[in-house]
Amino acid sequence: MDITQLVSDVGFPIVITFFLLHRMERKLDQVVMALQNLSN
C-alpha cells in the first residue's frame, strides 16, 4: 500500500473528526455557561 494513499484514506476522516469535535466543544462551553447563568 502506498503511503500517500494511506494518508489520504485515513487522514481525511481524522481531520473532519477533529474539526467537528472542536465545533462541538465550543457549543458545549456555551451551553455550560448558559446553565450556570440560569442557576445564579
N, C-alpha and C. Protein backbone atom coordinates (compact mmCIF):
# COMPACT_ATOMS: atom_id res chain seq x y z
N MET A 1 0.85 -1.19 0.00
CA MET A 1 0.00 0.00 0.00
C MET A 1 0.89 1.24 0.00
N ASP A 2 0.56 2.18 -0.82
CA ASP A 2 1.31 3.43 -0.93
C ASP A 2 1.02 4.32 0.27
N ILE A 3 2.04 4.98 0.79
CA ILE A 3 1.88 5.82 1.99
C ILE A 3 0.97 7.01 1.72
N THR A 4 1.04 7.58 0.52
CA THR A 4 0.16 8.72 0.22
C THR A 4 -1.30 8.30 0.15
N GLN A 5 -1.54 7.10 -0.34
CA GLN A 5 -2.91 6.57 -0.38
C GLN A 5 -3.42 6.35 1.05
N LEU A 6 -2.55 5.83 1.91
CA LEU A 6 -2.93 5.59 3.31
C LEU A 6 -3.26 6.91 4.01
N VAL A 7 -2.44 7.93 3.79
CA VAL A 7 -2.69 9.23 4.41
C VAL A 7 -3.99 9.83 3.89
N SER A 8 -4.24 9.71 2.62
CA SER A 8 -5.48 10.29 2.08
C SER A 8 -6.70 9.52 2.55
N ASP A 9 -6.58 8.22 2.73
CA ASP A 9 -7.71 7.42 3.20
C ASP A 9 -7.98 7.61 4.68
N VAL A 10 -6.93 7.70 5.48
CA VAL A 10 -7.08 7.79 6.93
C VAL A 10 -7.05 9.23 7.42
N GLY A 11 -6.24 10.06 6.82
CA GLY A 11 -6.06 11.44 7.28
C GLY A 11 -7.29 12.30 7.14
N PHE A 12 -8.00 12.16 6.05
CA PHE A 12 -9.18 13.00 5.82
C PHE A 12 -10.26 12.78 6.88
N PRO A 13 -10.65 11.54 7.18
CA PRO A 13 -11.65 11.35 8.25
C PRO A 13 -11.16 11.85 9.61
N ILE A 14 -9.87 11.74 9.88
CA ILE A 14 -9.34 12.22 11.15
C ILE A 14 -9.46 13.74 11.23
N VAL A 15 -9.13 14.43 10.15
CA VAL A 15 -9.24 15.89 10.13
C VAL A 15 -10.69 16.32 10.31
N ILE A 16 -11.61 15.67 9.62
CA ILE A 16 -13.03 16.00 9.75
C ILE A 16 -13.51 15.75 11.18
N THR A 17 -13.08 14.64 11.77
CA THR A 17 -13.48 14.32 13.15
C THR A 17 -12.99 15.37 14.12
N PHE A 18 -11.73 15.77 14.02
CA PHE A 18 -11.21 16.80 14.93
C PHE A 18 -11.91 18.13 14.73
N PHE A 19 -12.22 18.47 13.49
CA PHE A 19 -12.94 19.71 13.21
C PHE A 19 -14.31 19.71 13.87
N LEU A 20 -15.05 18.61 13.71
CA LEU A 20 -16.38 18.53 14.29
C LEU A 20 -16.33 18.51 15.82
N LEU A 21 -15.35 17.81 16.39
CA LEU A 21 -15.21 17.79 17.85
C LEU A 21 -14.89 19.18 18.38
N HIS A 22 -14.07 19.93 17.67
CA HIS A 22 -13.73 21.29 18.10
C HIS A 22 -14.97 22.18 18.07
N ARG A 23 -15.77 22.06 17.03
CA ARG A 23 -17.00 22.86 16.95
C ARG A 23 -17.96 22.49 18.07
N MET A 24 -18.09 21.19 18.33
CA MET A 24 -18.99 20.75 19.40
C MET A 24 -18.51 21.22 20.76
N GLU A 25 -17.21 21.23 20.97
CA GLU A 25 -16.66 21.67 22.25
C GLU A 25 -17.03 23.13 22.52
N ARG A 26 -16.92 23.97 21.51
CA ARG A 26 -17.30 25.38 21.69
C ARG A 26 -18.77 25.51 22.03
N LYS A 27 -19.61 24.75 21.35
CA LYS A 27 -21.05 24.82 21.61
C LYS A 27 -21.37 24.30 23.01
N LEU A 28 -20.69 23.25 23.44
CA LEU A 28 -20.91 22.72 24.79
C LEU A 28 -20.48 23.74 25.84
N ASP A 29 -19.40 24.45 25.59
CA ASP A 29 -18.98 25.50 26.52
C ASP A 29 -20.05 26.58 26.64
N GLN A 30 -20.67 26.92 25.53
CA GLN A 30 -21.74 27.91 25.56
C GLN A 30 -22.94 27.40 26.34
N VAL A 31 -23.27 26.13 26.21
CA VAL A 31 -24.39 25.54 26.95
C VAL A 31 -24.09 25.54 28.44
N VAL A 32 -22.88 25.19 28.81
CA VAL A 32 -22.49 25.18 30.22
C VAL A 32 -22.59 26.58 30.81
N MET A 33 -22.12 27.58 30.08
CA MET A 33 -22.20 28.96 30.58
C MET A 33 -23.65 29.40 30.71
N ALA A 34 -24.50 29.02 29.78
CA ALA A 34 -25.92 29.38 29.86
C ALA A 34 -26.57 28.73 31.07
N LEU A 35 -26.24 27.48 31.33
CA LEU A 35 -26.80 26.80 32.50
C LEU A 35 -26.31 27.42 33.80
N GLN A 36 -25.06 27.84 33.83
CA GLN A 36 -24.53 28.50 35.02
C GLN A 36 -25.23 29.83 35.24
N ASN A 37 -25.52 30.55 34.17
CA ASN A 37 -26.23 31.82 34.30
C ASN A 37 -27.65 31.61 34.81
N LEU A 38 -28.28 30.53 34.43
CA LEU A 38 -29.63 30.24 34.90
C LEU A 38 -29.65 29.92 36.39
N SER A 39 -28.60 29.27 36.87
CA SER A 39 -28.58 28.87 38.27
C SER A 39 -28.24 30.04 39.20
N ASN A 40 -27.73 31.13 38.66
CA ASN A 40 -27.38 32.29 39.50
C ASN A 40 -28.55 33.21 39.70
